[in-house]
PDB file of N, CA and C in Angstrom:
ATOM      1  N   MET A   1     -18.431  43.553-185.703  1.00  0.00           N
ATOM      2  CA  MET A   1     -16.648  42.783-185.090  1.00  0.00           C
ATOM      3  C   MET A   1     -15.945  44.986-185.070  1.00  0.00           C
ATOM      4  N   ALA A   2     -15.324  44.587-184.144  1.00  0.00           N
ATOM      5  CA  ALA A   2     -14.710  46.018-184.105  1.00  0.00           C
ATOM      6  C   ALA A   2     -13.945  46.300-184.865  1.00  0.00           C
ATOM      7  N   SER A   3     -13.222  47.153-185.440  1.00  0.00           N
ATOM      8  CA  SER A   3     -12.150  47.875-186.477  1.00  0.00           C
ATOM      9  C   SER A   3     -10.736  47.430-186.234  1.00  0.00           C
ATOM     10  N   GLU A   4      -9.943  46.654-186.910  1.00  0.00           N
ATOM     11  CA  GLU A   4      -8.821  46.569-186.785  1.00  0.00           C
ATOM     12  C   GLU A   4      -7.396  47.458-187.249  1.00  0.00           C
ATOM     13  N   LYS A   5      -8.265  48.540-187.937  1.00  0.00           N
ATOM     14  CA  LYS A   5      -7.661  49.317-189.023  1.00  0.00           C
ATOM     15  C   LYS A   5      -7.399  50.492-188.233  1.00  0.00           C
ATOM     16  N   THR A   6      -8.334  51.049-187.280  1.00  0.00           N
ATOM     17  CA  THR A   6      -7.984  52.270-186.465  1.00  0.00           C
ATOM     18  C   THR A   6      -6.340  52.365-186.312  1.00  0.00           C
ATOM     19  N   THR A   7      -6.279  53.361-186.222  1.00  0.00           N
ATOM     20  CA  THR A   7      -4.510  54.344-185.552  1.00  0.00           C
ATOM     21  C   THR A   7      -4.984  55.170-184.538  1.00  0.00           C
ATOM     22  N   ALA A   8      -3.630  55.374-183.760  1.00  0.00           N
ATOM     23  CA  ALA A   8      -3.523  56.313-182.773  1.00  0.00           C
ATOM     24  C   ALA A   8      -3.887  57.910-183.577  1.00  0.00           C
ATOM     25  N   GLY A   9      -3.448  57.949-185.128  1.00  0.00           N
ATOM     26  CA  GLY A   9      -3.418  59.188-185.313  1.00  0.00           C
ATOM     27  C   GLY A   9      -5.001  59.868-185.687  1.00  0.00           C
ATOM     28  N   GLU A  10      -6.030  58.862-185.756  1.00  0.00           N
ATOM     29  CA  GLU A  10      -7.138  59.045-186.432  1.00  0.00           C
ATOM     30  C   GLU A  10      -8.133  59.564-184.988  1.00  0.00           C
ATOM     31  N   LEU A  11      -7.809  59.142-184.058  1.00  0.00           N
ATOM     32  CA  LEU A  11      -8.108  59.338-182.644  1.00  0.00           C
ATOM     33  C   LEU A  11      -8.231  61.229-182.381  1.00  0.00           C
ATOM     34  N   ARG A  12      -9.379  61.602-183.211  1.00  0.00           N
ATOM     35  CA  ARG A  12      -9.106  63.458-183.251  1.00  0.00           C
ATOM     36  C   ARG A  12     -10.234  63.989-182.153  1.00  0.00           C
ATOM     37  N   GLU A  13     -11.268  63.494-181.608  1.00  0.00           N
ATOM     38  CA  GLU A  13     -12.209  63.893-180.980  1.00  0.00           C
ATOM     39  C   GLU A  13     -11.635  63.729-179.506  1.00  0.00           C
ATOM     40  N   ARG A  14     -12.488  64.190-178.705  1.00  0.00           N
ATOM     41  CA  ARG A  14     -12.463  64.140-177.529  1.00  0.00           C
ATOM     42  C   ARG A  14     -13.601  63.813-176.911  1.00  0.00           C
ATOM     43  N   LEU A  15     -13.753  63.027-175.828  1.00  0.00           N
ATOM     44  CA  LEU A  15     -15.252  62.851-175.430  1.00  0.00           C
ATOM     45  C   LEU A  15     -15.425  62.512-174.101  1.00  0.00           C
ATOM     46  N   TYR A  16     -16.159  63.084-173.695  1.00  0.00           N
ATOM     47  CA  TYR A  16     -16.472  62.878-172.103  1.00  0.00           C
ATOM     48  C   TYR A  16     -17.528  61.463-172.010  1.00  0.00           C
ATOM     49  N   ILE A  17     -17.191  60.311-170.826  1.00  0.00           N
ATOM     50  CA  ILE A  17     -17.834  58.965-170.969  1.00  0.00           C
ATOM     51  C   ILE A  17     -18.221  59.335-169.368  1.00  0.00           C
ATOM     52  N   GLU A  18     -19.657  59.219-169.716  1.00  0.00           N
ATOM     53  CA  GLU A  18     -20.650  59.292-168.410  1.00  0.00           C
ATOM     54  C   GLU A  18     -21.207  57.801-167.879  1.00  0.00           C
ATOM     55  N   ALA A  19     -21.192  57.324-166.540  1.00  0.00           N
ATOM     56  CA  ALA A  19     -21.844  55.911-166.321  1.00  0.00           C
ATOM     57  C   ALA A  19     -22.789  56.437-165.081  1.00  0.00           C
ATOM     58  N   PRO A  20     -23.890  55.613-164.994  1.00  0.00           N
ATOM     59  CA  PRO A  20     -25.059  56.028-164.296  1.00  0.00           C
ATOM     60  C   PRO A  20     -24.632  55.271-162.420  1.00  0.00           C
ATOM     61  N   PHE A  21     -24.271  56.024-161.233  1.00  0.00           N
ATOM     62  CA  PHE A  21     -24.031  55.573-160.215  1.00  0.00           C
ATOM     63  C   PHE A  21     -25.084  55.589-159.168  1.00  0.00           C
ATOM     64  N   PRO A  22     -25.991  54.348-158.689  1.00  0.00           N
ATOM     65  CA  PRO A  22     -26.784  54.403-158.078  1.00  0.00           C
ATOM     66  C   PRO A  22     -26.433  55.140-156.752  1.00  0.00           C
ATOM     67  N   GLU A  23     -27.260  56.114-156.090  1.00  0.00           N
ATOM     68  CA  GLU A  23     -27.046  57.225-154.763  1.00  0.00           C
ATOM     69  C   GLU A  23     -28.818  56.898-154.006  1.00  0.00           C
ATOM     70  N   GLU A  24     -28.506  56.713-152.618  1.00  0.00           N
ATOM     71  CA  GLU A  24     -30.206  57.401-152.084  1.00  0.00           C
ATOM     72  C   GLU A  24     -30.397  58.614-152.229  1.00  0.00           C
ATOM     73  N   ASP A  25     -31.426  58.325-152.610  1.00  0.00           N
ATOM     74  CA  ASP A  25     -32.279  59.963-152.870  1.00  0.00           C
ATOM     75  C   ASP A  25     -32.870  60.340-151.498  1.00  0.00           C
ATOM     76  N   GLY A  26     -32.580  60.443-150.321  1.00  0.00           N
ATOM     77  CA  GLY A  26     -32.832  60.808-148.973  1.00  0.00           C
ATOM     78  C   GLY A  26     -34.504  60.233-148.604  1.00  0.00           C
ATOM     79  N   LYS A  27     -35.162  59.482-149.530  1.00  0.00           N
ATOM     80  CA  LYS A  27     -36.192  59.301-149.182  1.00  0.00           C
ATOM     81  C   LYS A  27     -36.336  57.662-149.416  1.00  0.00           C
ATOM     82  N   GLY A  28     -35.474  56.728-149.120  1.00  0.00           N
ATOM     83  CA  GLY A  28     -35.703  55.411-149.119  1.00  0.00           C
ATOM     84  C   GLY A  28     -35.453  54.816-150.309  1.00  0.00           C
ATOM     85  N   GLY A  29     -35.265  55.606-151.279  1.00  0.00           N
ATOM     86  CA  GLY A  29     -35.337  55.245-152.714  1.00  0.00           C
ATOM     87  C   GLY A  29     -33.843  55.565-153.379  1.00  0.00           C
ATOM     88  N   GLU A  30     -33.434  54.900-154.505  1.00  0.00           N
ATOM     89  CA  GLU A  30     -32.249  55.248-155.301  1.00  0.00           C
ATOM     90  C   GLU A  30     -32.348  56.284-156.611  1.00  0.00           C
ATOM     91  N   THR A  31     -31.479  56.520-156.865  1.00  0.00           N
ATOM     92  CA  THR A  31     -31.594  57.654-158.325  1.00  0.00           C
ATOM     93  C   THR A  31     -30.029  57.480-158.819  1.00  0.00           C
ATOM     94  N   ASP A  32     -30.187  57.611-160.011  1.00  0.00           N
ATOM     95  CA  ASP A  32     -29.062  57.452-160.657  1.00  0.00           C
ATOM     96  C   ASP A  32     -28.119  58.861-160.901  1.00  0.00           C
ATOM     97  N   THR A  33     -27.269  59.090-160.469  1.00  0.00           N
ATOM     98  CA  THR A  33     -26.161  60.328-160.511  1.00  0.00           C
ATOM     99  C   THR A  33     -24.961  59.747-161.814  1.00  0.00           C
ATOM    100  N   TRP A  34     -24.771  60.726-162.787  1.00  0.00           N
ATOM    101  CA  TRP A  34     -24.342  60.471-163.809  1.00  0.00           C
ATOM    102  C   TRP A  34     -22.652  60.720-163.534  1.00  0.00           C
ATOM    103  N   LYS A  35     -21.801  60.108-163.294  1.00  0.00           N
ATOM    104  CA  LYS A  35     -20.149  60.311-163.073  1.00  0.00           C
ATOM    105  C   LYS A  35     -19.232  60.272-164.199  1.00  0.00           C
ATOM    106  N   ASN A  36     -18.025  60.977-164.527  1.00  0.00           N
ATOM    107  CA  ASN A  36     -17.183  60.818-165.455  1.00  0.00           C
ATOM    108  C   ASN A  36     -16.413  59.170-165.007  1.00  0.00           C
ATOM    109  N   VAL A  37     -16.268  58.250-165.942  1.00  0.00           N
ATOM    110  CA  VAL A  37     -15.647  57.247-165.591  1.00  0.00           C
ATOM    111  C   VAL A  37     -13.891  57.248-165.626  1.00  0.00           C
ATOM    112  N   PHE A  38     -13.600  58.160-165.757  1.00  0.00           N
ATOM    113  CA  PHE A  38     -12.242  58.619-166.117  1.00  0.00           C
ATOM    114  C   PHE A  38     -11.756  59.478-165.155  1.00  0.00           C
ATOM    115  N   GLY A  39     -12.423  60.008-164.629  1.00  0.00           N
ATOM    116  CA  GLY A  39     -12.394  61.463-163.054  1.00  0.00           C
ATOM    117  C   GLY A  39     -12.999  62.531-164.014  1.00  0.00           C
ATOM    118  N   GLU A  40     -13.772  63.711-162.780  1.00  0.00           N
ATOM    119  CA  GLU A  40     -14.335  64.831-163.164  1.00  0.00           C
ATOM    120  C   GLU A  40     -13.729  65.673-164.299  1.00  0.00           C
ATOM    121  N   GLY A  41     -14.330  66.175-165.539  1.00  0.00           N
ATOM    122  CA  GLY A  41     -13.221  66.824-166.110  1.00  0.00           C
ATOM    123  C   GLY A  41     -12.299  66.153-167.133  1.00  0.00           C
ATOM    124  N   LYS A  42     -12.328  64.823-167.254  1.00  0.00           N
ATOM    125  CA  LYS A  42     -11.279  63.968-168.187  1.00  0.00           C
ATOM    126  C   LYS A  42     -11.743  63.921-169.371  1.00  0.00           C
ATOM    127  N   THR A  43     -11.178  63.621-170.266  1.00  0.00           N
ATOM    128  CA  THR A  43     -11.790  63.144-171.877  1.00  0.00           C
ATOM    129  C   THR A  43     -10.771  62.034-172.274  1.00  0.00           C
ATOM    130  N   VAL A  44     -11.259  61.602-173.014  1.00  0.00           N
ATOM    131  CA  VAL A  44     -10.701  60.358-173.895  1.00  0.00           C
ATOM    132  C   VAL A  44     -10.682  60.630-175.325  1.00  0.00           C
ATOM    133  N   ALA A  45      -9.542  60.201-175.617  1.00  0.00           N
ATOM    134  CA  ALA A  45      -9.431  60.452-177.345  1.00  0.00           C
ATOM    135  C   ALA A  45     -10.291  59.628-178.357  1.00  0.00           C
ATOM    136  N   ALA A  46     -11.037  59.719-179.479  1.00  0.00           N
ATOM    137  CA  ALA A  46     -11.549  58.989-180.010  1.00  0.00           C
ATOM    138  C   ALA A  46     -11.949  58.933-181.475  1.00  0.00           C
ATOM    139  N   LYS A  47     -12.426  58.268-182.283  1.00  0.00           N
ATOM    140  CA  LYS A  47     -12.211  58.168-183.956  1.00  0.00           C
ATOM    141  C   LYS A  47     -13.939  58.334-183.629  1.00  0.00           C
ATOM    142  N   TRP A  48     -14.770  59.552-184.375  1.00  0.00           N
ATOM    143  CA  TRP A  48     -16.103  59.688-184.512  1.00  0.00           C
ATOM    144  C   TRP A  48     -16.087  59.743-185.934  1.00  0.00           C
ATOM    145  N   ARG A  49     -17.393  58.722-186.367  1.00  0.00           N
ATOM    146  CA  ARG A  49     -17.894  58.796-187.575  1.00  0.00           C
ATOM    147  C   ARG A  49     -19.334  58.724-187.838  1.00  0.00           C
ATOM    148  N   ARG A  50     -20.053  59.727-188.114  1.00  0.00           N
ATOM    149  CA  ARG A  50     -21.471  59.868-188.639  1.00  0.00           C
ATOM    150  C   ARG A  50     -22.178  59.008-189.180  1.00  0.00           C
ATOM    151  N   LYS A  51     -23.020  58.397-188.992  1.00  0.00           N
ATOM    152  CA  LYS A  51     -23.590  57.237-189.675  1.00  0.00           C
ATOM    153  C   LYS A  51     -24.786  57.765-190.226  1.00  0.00           C
ATOM    154  N   MET A  52     -25.535  58.442-189.680  1.00  0.00           N
ATOM    155  CA  MET A  52     -27.104  58.613-190.373  1.00  0.00           C
ATOM    156  C   MET A  52     -27.798  59.691-189.436  1.00  0.00           C
ATOM    157  N   THR A  53     -28.265  60.704-189.951  1.00  0.00           N
ATOM    158  CA  THR A  53     -29.122  61.038-189.408  1.00  0.00           C
ATOM    159  C   THR A  53     -30.884  60.966-189.852  1.00  0.00           C
ATOM    160  N   ARG A  54     -31.825  60.623-189.136  1.00  0.00           N
ATOM    161  CA  ARG A  54     -33.034  60.409-189.517  1.00  0.00           C
ATOM    162  C   ARG A  54     -34.224  61.122-188.820  1.00  0.00           C
ATOM    163  N   PHE A  55     -35.442  61.977-189.820  1.00  0.00           N
ATOM    164  CA  PHE A  55     -36.160  62.564-189.439  1.00  0.00           C
ATOM    165  C   PHE A  55     -37.687  61.687-188.776  1.00  0.00           C
ATOM    166  N   ASP A  56     -38.396  62.192-187.877  1.00  0.00           N
ATOM    167  CA  ASP A  56     -39.018  61.313-187.839  1.00  0.00           C
ATOM    168  C   ASP A  56     -40.604  61.946-187.152  1.00  0.00           C
ATOM    169  N   SER A  57     -41.535  62.704-187.563  1.00  0.00           N
ATOM    170  CA  SER A  57     -42.475  63.006-187.091  1.00  0.00           C
ATOM    171  C   SER A  57     -43.557  62.298-186.844  1.00  0.00           C
ATOM    172  N   THR A  58     -43.705  60.983-186.545  1.00  0.00           N
ATOM    173  CA  THR A  58     -44.949  60.196-186.218  1.00  0.00           C
ATOM    174  C   THR A  58     -44.460  59.467-184.839  1.00  0.00           C
ATOM    175  N   VAL A  59     -43.277  60.239-183.939  1.00  0.00           N
ATOM    176  CA  VAL A  59     -43.534  59.641-182.484  1.00  0.00           C
ATOM    177  C   VAL A  59     -44.475  59.721-181.758  1.00  0.00           C
ATOM    178  N   ASP A  60     -44.764  58.456-181.081  1.00  0.00           N
ATOM    179  CA  ASP A  60     -45.976  59.249-180.320  1.00  0.00           C
ATOM    180  C   ASP A  60     -46.216  60.328-179.260  1.00  0.00           C
ATOM    181  N   ASN A  61     -44.620  60.376-178.995  1.00  0.00           N
ATOM    182  CA  ASN A  61     -44.589  61.805-177.960  1.00  0.00           C
ATOM    183  C   ASN A  61     -44.533  63.139-178.607  1.00  0.00           C
ATOM    184  N   THR A  62     -45.168  63.289-179.968  1.00  0.00           N
ATOM    185  CA  THR A  62     -44.702  64.530-180.602  1.00  0.00           C
ATOM    186  C   THR A  62     -45.825  65.407-179.979  1.00  0.00           C
ATOM    187  N   LYS A  63     -45.286  66.709-179.822  1.00  0.00           N
ATOM    188  CA  LYS A  63     -46.550  67.926-179.273  1.00  0.00           C
ATOM    189  C   LYS A  63     -45.747  68.826-180.301  1.00  0.00           C
ATOM    190  N   ASP A  64     -47.142  69.541-180.573  1.00  0.00           N
ATOM    191  CA  ASP A  64     -47.204  70.562-181.294  1.00  0.00           C
ATOM    192  C   ASP A  64     -46.467  70.438-182.768  1.00  0.00           C
ATOM    193  N   ASP A  65     -46.697  69.329-183.511  1.00  0.00           N
ATOM    194  CA  ASP A  65     -46.275  68.797-184.609  1.00  0.00           C
ATOM    195  C   ASP A  65     -45.019  69.112-184.994  1.00  0.00           C
ATOM    196  N   ARG A  66     -43.930  69.142-183.579  1.00  0.00           N
ATOM    197  CA  ARG A  66     -42.487  69.226-183.649  1.00  0.00           C
ATOM    198  C   ARG A  66     -41.807  67.628-184.491  1.00  0.00           C
ATOM    199  N   VAL A  67     -40.810  67.918-185.290  1.00  0.00           N
ATOM    200  CA  VAL A  67     -39.972  66.634-185.766  1.00  0.00           C
ATOM    201  C   VAL A  67     -38.649  66.560-185.121  1.00  0.00           C
ATOM    202  N   PHE A  68     -38.427  65.077-184.889  1.00  0.00           N
ATOM    203  CA  PHE A  68     -37.710  64.454-184.009  1.00  0.00           C
ATOM    204  C   PHE A  68     -36.717  64.208-185.261  1.00  0.00           C
ATOM    205  N   ALA A  69     -35.311  64.584-184.558  1.00  0.00           N
ATOM    206  CA  ALA A  69     -33.901  63.896-185.391  1.00  0.00           C
ATOM    207  C   ALA A  69     -33.109  62.731-185.160  1.00  0.00           C
ATOM    208  N   SER A  70     -33.129  61.682-184.857  1.00  0.00           N
ATOM    209  CA  SER A  70     -32.300  60.764-184.507  1.00  0.00           C
ATOM    210  C   SER A  70     -31.162  60.714-185.240  1.00  0.00           C
ATOM    211  N   GLU A  71     -29.834  60.785-184.226  1.00  0.00           N
ATOM    212  CA  GLU A  71     -28.538  60.998-185.433  1.00  0.00           C
ATOM    213  C   GLU A  71     -27.697  59.611-184.859  1.00  0.00           C
ATOM    214  N   THR A  72     -27.106  58.750-185.443  1.00  0.00           N
ATOM    215  CA  THR A  72     -26.279  57.838-184.984  1.00  0.00           C
ATOM    216  C   THR A  72     -24.637  58.020-185.393  1.00  0.00           C
ATOM    217  N   ALA A  73     -23.897  57.376-184.598  1.00  0.00           N
ATOM    218  CA  ALA A  73     -22.373  57.978-184.947  1.00  0.00           C
ATOM    219  C   ALA A  73     -21.489  56.402-184.352  1.00  0.00           C
ATOM    220  N   LYS A  74     -20.518  56.138-185.448  1.00  0.00           N
ATOM    221  CA  LYS A  74     -19.423  54.678-184.750  1.00  0.00           C
ATOM    222  C   LYS A  74     -18.700  55.641-184.158  1.00  0.00           C
ATOM    223  N   VAL A  75     -18.096  54.901-183.333  1.00  0.00           N
ATOM    224  CA  VAL A  75     -17.069  55.429-181.871  1.00  0.00           C
ATOM    225  C   VAL A  75     -16.039  54.579-181.982  1.00  0.00           C
ATOM    226  N   VAL A  76     -14.795  54.570-181.609  1.00  0.00           N
ATOM    227  CA  VAL A  76     -13.499  53.829-181.575  1.00  0.00           C
ATOM    228  C   VAL A  76     -12.776  54.778-180.134  1.00  0.00           C
ATOM    229  N   ILE A  77     -12.447  54.287-179.504  1.00  0.00           N
ATOM    230  CA  ILE A  77     -11.902  54.400-178.519  1.00  0.00           C
ATOM    231  C   ILE A  77     -10.725  53.523-177.885  1.00  0.00           C
ATOM    232  N   ARG A  78      -9.438  53.728-177.733  1.00  0.00           N
ATOM    233  CA  ARG A  78      -8.378  52.897-177.172  1.00  0.00           C
ATOM    234  C   ARG A  78      -9.726  51.810-175.883  1.00  0.00           C
ATOM    235  N   TYR A  79      -9.356  50.557-175.897  1.00  0.00           N
ATOM    236  CA  TYR A  79     -10.277  49.353-174.832  1.00  0.00           C
ATOM    237  C   TYR A  79      -9.907  49.847-173.331  1.00  0.00           C
ATOM    238  N   THR A  80     -10.728  50.151-172.789  1.00  0.00           N
ATOM    239  CA  THR A  80     -11.125  49.899-171.182  1.00  0.00           C
ATOM    240  C   THR A  80     -12.492  48.844-170.823  1.00  0.00           C
ATOM    241  N   GLU A  81     -12.119  48.551-169.956  1.00  0.00           N
ATOM    242  CA  GLU A  81     -13.456  47.935-169.115  1.00  0.00           C
ATOM    243  C   GLU A  81     -14.383  49.506-168.618  1.00  0.00           C
ATOM    244  N   ARG A  82     -13.761  50.339-168.575  1.00  0.00           N
ATOM    245  CA  ARG A  82     -15.021  51.172-167.558  1.00  0.00           C
ATOM    246  C   ARG A  82     -15.995  51.407-168.726  1.00  0.00           C
ATOM    247  N   VAL A  83     -16.400  51.071-169.952  1.00  0.00           N
ATOM    248  CA  VAL A  83     -17.201  52.144-171.058  1.00  0.00           C
ATOM    249  C   VAL A  83     -18.129  50.828-171.431  1.00  0.00           C
ATOM    250  N   ASP A  84     -19.270  50.385-170.993  1.00  0.00           N
ATOM    251  CA  ASP A  84     -20.282  49.246-171.300  1.00  0.00           C
ATOM    252  C   ASP A  84     -21.903  49.764-171.902  1.00  0.00           C
ATOM    253  N   SER A  85     -22.784  49.304-172.340  1.00  0.00           N
ATOM    254  CA  SER A  85     -23.216  49.539-172.668  1.00  0.00           C
ATOM    255  C   SER A  85     -24.519  50.808-171.811  1.00  0.00           C
ATOM    256  N   LEU A  86     -24.095  50.838-170.864  1.00  0.00           N
ATOM    257  CA  LEU A  86     -24.931  51.863-170.018  1.00  0.00           C
ATOM    258  C   LEU A  86     -24.634  53.166-169.855  1.00  0.00           C
ATOM    259  N   CYS A  87     -23.283  53.479-170.747  1.00  0.00           N
ATOM    260  CA  CYS A  87     -22.612  54.597-170.256  1.00  0.00           C
ATOM    261  C   CYS A  87     -23.617  55.837-171.397  1.00  0.00           C
ATOM    262  N   ARG A  88     -22.585  57.123-171.404  1.00  0.00           N
ATOM    263  CA  ARG A  88     -23.308  58.431-172.162  1.00  0.00           C
ATOM    264  C   ARG A  88     -22.448  58.744-172.750  1.00  0.00           C
ATOM    265  N   VAL A  89     -22.121  59.114-173.797  1.00  0.00           N
ATOM    266  CA  VAL A  89     -21.075  60.150-174.386  1.00  0.00           C
ATOM    267  C   VAL A  89     -21.254  61.774-174.567  1.00  0.00           C
ATOM    268  N   LYS A  90     -20.447  62.236-174.859  1.00  0.00           N
ATOM    269  CA  LYS A  90     -20.599  63.690-175.004  1.00  0.00           C
ATOM    270  C   LYS A  90     -19.120  64.199-175.981  1.00  0.00           C
ATOM    271  N   ARG A  91     -19.229  65.129-177.108  1.00  0.00           N
ATOM    272  CA  ARG A  91     -18.004  65.196-177.506  1.00  0.00           C
ATOM    273  C   ARG A  91     -17.381  66.514-176.675  1.00  0.00           C
ATOM    274  N   LYS A  92     -16.379  66.771-176.795  1.00  0.00           N
ATOM    275  CA  LYS A  92     -15.949  68.042-175.956  1.00  0.00           C
ATOM    276  C   LYS A  92     -16.381  69.229-176.935  1.00  0.00           C
ATOM    277  N   GLY A  93     -17.012  70.549-176.449  1.00  0.00           N
ATOM    278  CA  GLY A  93     -17.052  71.387-176.996  1.00  0.00           C
ATOM    279  C   GLY A  93     -18.841  71.322-177.587  1.00  0.00           C
ATOM    280  N   GLU A  94     -19.543  70.325-177.297  1.00  0.00           N
ATOM    281  CA  GLU A  94     -20.666  70.318-178.166  1.00  0.00           C
ATOM    282  C   GLU A  94     -21.973  70.620-177.276  1.00  0.00           C
ATOM    283  N   LYS A  95     -22.686  71.386-177.533  1.00  0.00           N
ATOM    284  CA  LYS A  95     -23.466  71.773-177.057  1.00  0.00           C
ATOM    285  C   LYS A  95     -24.840  71.429-176.342  1.00  0.00           C
ATOM    286  N   ASP A  96     -24.950  70.390-177.527  1.00  0.00           N
ATOM    287  CA  ASP A  96     -26.248  69.737-177.724  1.00  0.00           C
ATOM    288  C   ASP A  96     -26.085  68.402-176.590  1.00  0.00           C
ATOM    289  N   GLY A  97     -27.362  67.751-176.499  1.00  0.00           N
ATOM    290  CA  GLY A  97     -27.076  66.976-175.446  1.00  0.00           C
ATOM    291  C   GLY A  97     -26.465  65.534-175.717  1.00  0.00           C
ATOM    292  N   TRP A  98     -26.556  64.912-175.108  1.00  0.00           N
ATOM    293  CA  TRP A  98     -25.522  63.660-174.771  1.00  0.00           C
ATOM    294  C   TRP A  98     -26.011  62.607-175.786  1.00  0.00           C
ATOM    295  N   TRP A  99     -25.022  61.716-176.002  1.00  0.00           N
ATOM    296  CA  TRP A  99     -25.125  60.355-177.053  1.00  0.00           C
ATOM    297  C   TRP A  99     -25.473  59.667-176.277  1.00  0.00           C
ATOM    298  N   TYR A 100     -25.889  58.088-176.013  1.00  0.00           N
ATOM    299  CA  TYR A 100     -26.642  56.964-175.768  1.00  0.00           C
ATOM    300  C   TYR A 100     -25.549  55.850-176.601  1.00  0.00           C
ATOM    301  N   ILE A 101     -25.116  54.796-175.796  1.00  0.00           N
ATOM    302  CA  ILE A 101     -24.752  53.985-176.370  1.00  0.00           C
ATOM    303  C   ILE A 101     -25.398  52.955-176.957  1.00  0.00           C
ATOM    304  N   ILE A 102     -25.741  52.424-178.172  1.00  0.00           N
ATOM    305  CA  ILE A 102     -26.480  51.568-178.276  1.00  0.00           C
ATOM    306  C   ILE A 102     -25.959  49.868-178.437  1.00  0.00           C
ATOM    307  N   GLY A 103     -26.308  48.955-178.197  1.00  0.00           N
ATOM    308  CA  GLY A 103     -26.336  47.625-177.862  1.00  0.00           C
ATOM    309  C   GLY A 103     -24.962  47.676-176.859  1.00  0.00           C
ATOM    310  N   SER A 104     -24.116  46.675-177.182  1.00  0.00           N
ATOM    311  CA  SER A 104     -22.683  46.441-176.220  1.00  0.00           C
ATOM    312  C   SER A 104     -21.689  46.885-177.122  1.00  0.00           C
ATOM    313  N   PRO A 105     -20.678  47.528-176.778  1.00  0.00           N
ATOM    314  CA  PRO A 105     -19.170  48.206-177.440  1.00  0.00           C
ATOM    315  C   PRO A 105     -18.264  46.421-177.520  1.00  0.00           C
ATOM    316  N   GLU A 106     -18.036  46.557-178.692  1.00  0.00           N
ATOM    317  CA  GLU A 106     -17.185  45.339-179.077  1.00  0.00           C
ATOM    318  C   GLU A 106     -15.450  45.453-179.223  1.00  0.00           C
ATOM    319  N   ARG A 107     -15.014  44.531-178.572  1.00  0.00           N
ATOM    320  CA  ARG A 107     -13.410  44.948-178.483  1.00  0.00           C
ATOM    321  C   ARG A 107     -12.906  44.118-180.148  1.00  0.00           C
ATOM    322  N   SER A 108     -11.936  44.705-180.625  1.00  0.00           N
ATOM    323  CA  SER A 108     -11.324  44.467-181.847  1.00  0.00           C
ATOM    324  C   SER A 108     -10.433  42.593-181.146  1.00  0.00           C
ATOM    325  N   VAL A 109     -10.348  42.311-182.491  1.00  0.00           N
ATOM    326  CA  VAL A 109      -9.601  41.306-182.524  1.00  0.00           C
ATOM    327  C   VAL A 109      -8.269  41.056-181.626  1.00  0.00           C
ATOM    328  N   ASP A 110      -7.537  42.344-182.051  1.00  0.00           N
ATOM    329  CA  ASP A 110      -6.402  42.360-181.555  1.00  0.00           C
ATOM    330  C   ASP A 110      -6.281  43.020-179.922  1.00  0.00           C
ATOM    331  N   GLY A 111      -7.336  43.535-179.599  1.00  0.00           N
ATOM    332  CA  GLY A 111      -7.647  43.716-178.143  1.00  0.00           C
ATOM    333  C   GLY A 111      -7.377  45.048-177.735  1.00  0.00           C
ATOM    334  N   ASN A 112      -7.076  46.211-178.641  1.00  0.00           N
ATOM    335  CA  ASN A 112      -6.310  47.602-178.456  1.00  0.00           C
ATOM    336  C   ASN A 112      -7.608  48.380-178.482  1.00  0.00           C
ATOM    337  N   TRP A 113      -8.567  47.792-179.025  1.00  0.00           N
ATOM    338  CA  TRP A 113      -9.660  48.973-179.428  1.00  0.00           C
ATOM    339  C   TRP A 113     -11.274  48.541-178.806  1.00  0.00           C
ATOM    340  N   LEU A 114     -11.867  49.493-178.684  1.00  0.00           N
ATOM    341  CA  LEU A 114     -13.575  49.601-178.143  1.00  0.00           C
ATOM    342  C   LEU A 114     -14.178  49.937-179.197  1.00  0.00           C
ATOM    343  N   GLU A 115     -15.329  49.418-179.555  1.00  0.00           N
ATOM    344  CA  GLU A 115     -15.999  50.416-180.771  1.00  0.00           C
ATOM    345  C   GLU A 115     -17.255  49.877-180.689  1.00  0.00           C
ATOM    346  N   PHE A 116     -18.236  51.083-180.600  1.00  0.00           N
ATOM    347  CA  PHE A 116     -20.058  51.043-180.305  1.00  0.00           C
ATOM    348  C   PHE A 116     -20.485  52.354-181.257  1.00  0.00           C
ATOM    349  N   THR A 117     -21.745  51.874-181.021  1.00  0.00           N
ATOM    350  CA  THR A 117     -22.420  53.098-181.673  1.00  0.00           C
ATOM    351  C   THR A 117     -22.960  53.942-180.802  1.00  0.00           C
ATOM    352  N   ALA A 118     -23.242  55.100-181.104  1.00  0.00           N
ATOM    353  CA  ALA A 118     -23.810  55.888-180.124  1.00  0.00           C
ATOM    354  C   ALA A 118     -25.625  56.931-180.484  1.00  0.00           C
ATOM    355  N   GLU A 119     -26.489  56.932-179.979  1.00  0.00           N
ATOM    356  CA  GLU A 119     -27.673  57.266-180.763  1.00  0.00           C
ATOM    357  C   GLU A 119     -28.019  58.682-179.789  1.00  0.00           C
ATOM    358  N   ARG A 120     -28.300  59.754-180.365  1.00  0.00           N
ATOM    359  CA  ARG A 120     -28.556  60.707-180.137  1.00  0.00           C
ATOM    360  C   ARG A 120     -30.145  61.531-180.577  1.00  0.00           C
ATOM    361  N   ARG A 121     -30.991  61.263-179.577  1.00  0.00           N
ATOM    362  CA  ARG A 121     -32.686  62.089-180.365  1.00  0.00           C
ATOM    363  C   ARG A 121     -32.891  63.082-179.851  1.00  0.00           C
ATOM    364  N   ALA A 122     -33.715  63.975-180.619  1.00  0.00           N
ATOM    365  CA  ALA A 122     -33.590  65.539-180.712  1.00  0.00           C
ATOM    366  C   ALA A 122     -34.909  66.088-181.332  1.00  0.00           C
ATOM    367  N   ALA A 123     -35.102  67.194-180.645  1.00  0.00           N
ATOM    368  CA  ALA A 123     -36.573  67.529-181.713  1.00  0.00           C
ATOM    369  C   ALA A 123     -35.693  68.669-182.470  1.00  0.00           C
ATOM    370  N   ALA A 124     -36.181  68.734-183.688  1.00  0.00           N
ATOM    371  CA  ALA A 124     -35.563  69.570-184.740  1.00  0.00           C
ATOM    372  C   ALA A 124     -35.916  70.575-185.423  1.00  0.00           C
ATOM    373  N   LEU A 125     -37.561  70.690-184.997  1.00  0.00           N
ATOM    374  CA  LEU A 125     -37.999  72.231-185.203  1.00  0.00           C
ATOM    375  C   LEU A 125     -38.655  72.371-183.801  1.00  0.00           C
TER     376      LEU A 125
END
C-alpha cells in the first residue's frame, strides 16, 4: 500500500519520467520511442529511498566474468495518471542508465501520492 505519511517537504529529488510511444519505423513495422510524460526536459519532484543493491555473477548473459549489480529504490511522487508500469525514470544529474518500474504503481488511500519500486541493472566490473 502506498505511504500516507509522505509530505511535500520530502520530495527532494527531481525525476525525468518517460513512457514508450509506438511509432512506425519506415519499414512497415513499429518501434517504441521514449518521450517524457510531462513534456520535453520537465522533471517531477519525488521522494527517493534506496532499498538494496545486489551483486550477481551468475547471470546467463555474463561476458568476461563481469559482475552485475541490481539496485532497487522506493519512489513516491504526487499522484498522476501519466505514470504506469511501462514507464522508466532517471534522477536529474544522474549519469548512469534508466531505472524501470517494477510491478504496478500504487495510489495512496487518500489519493494524493503514487508509490512504486524502480530497478536498475548494470555491470559493476
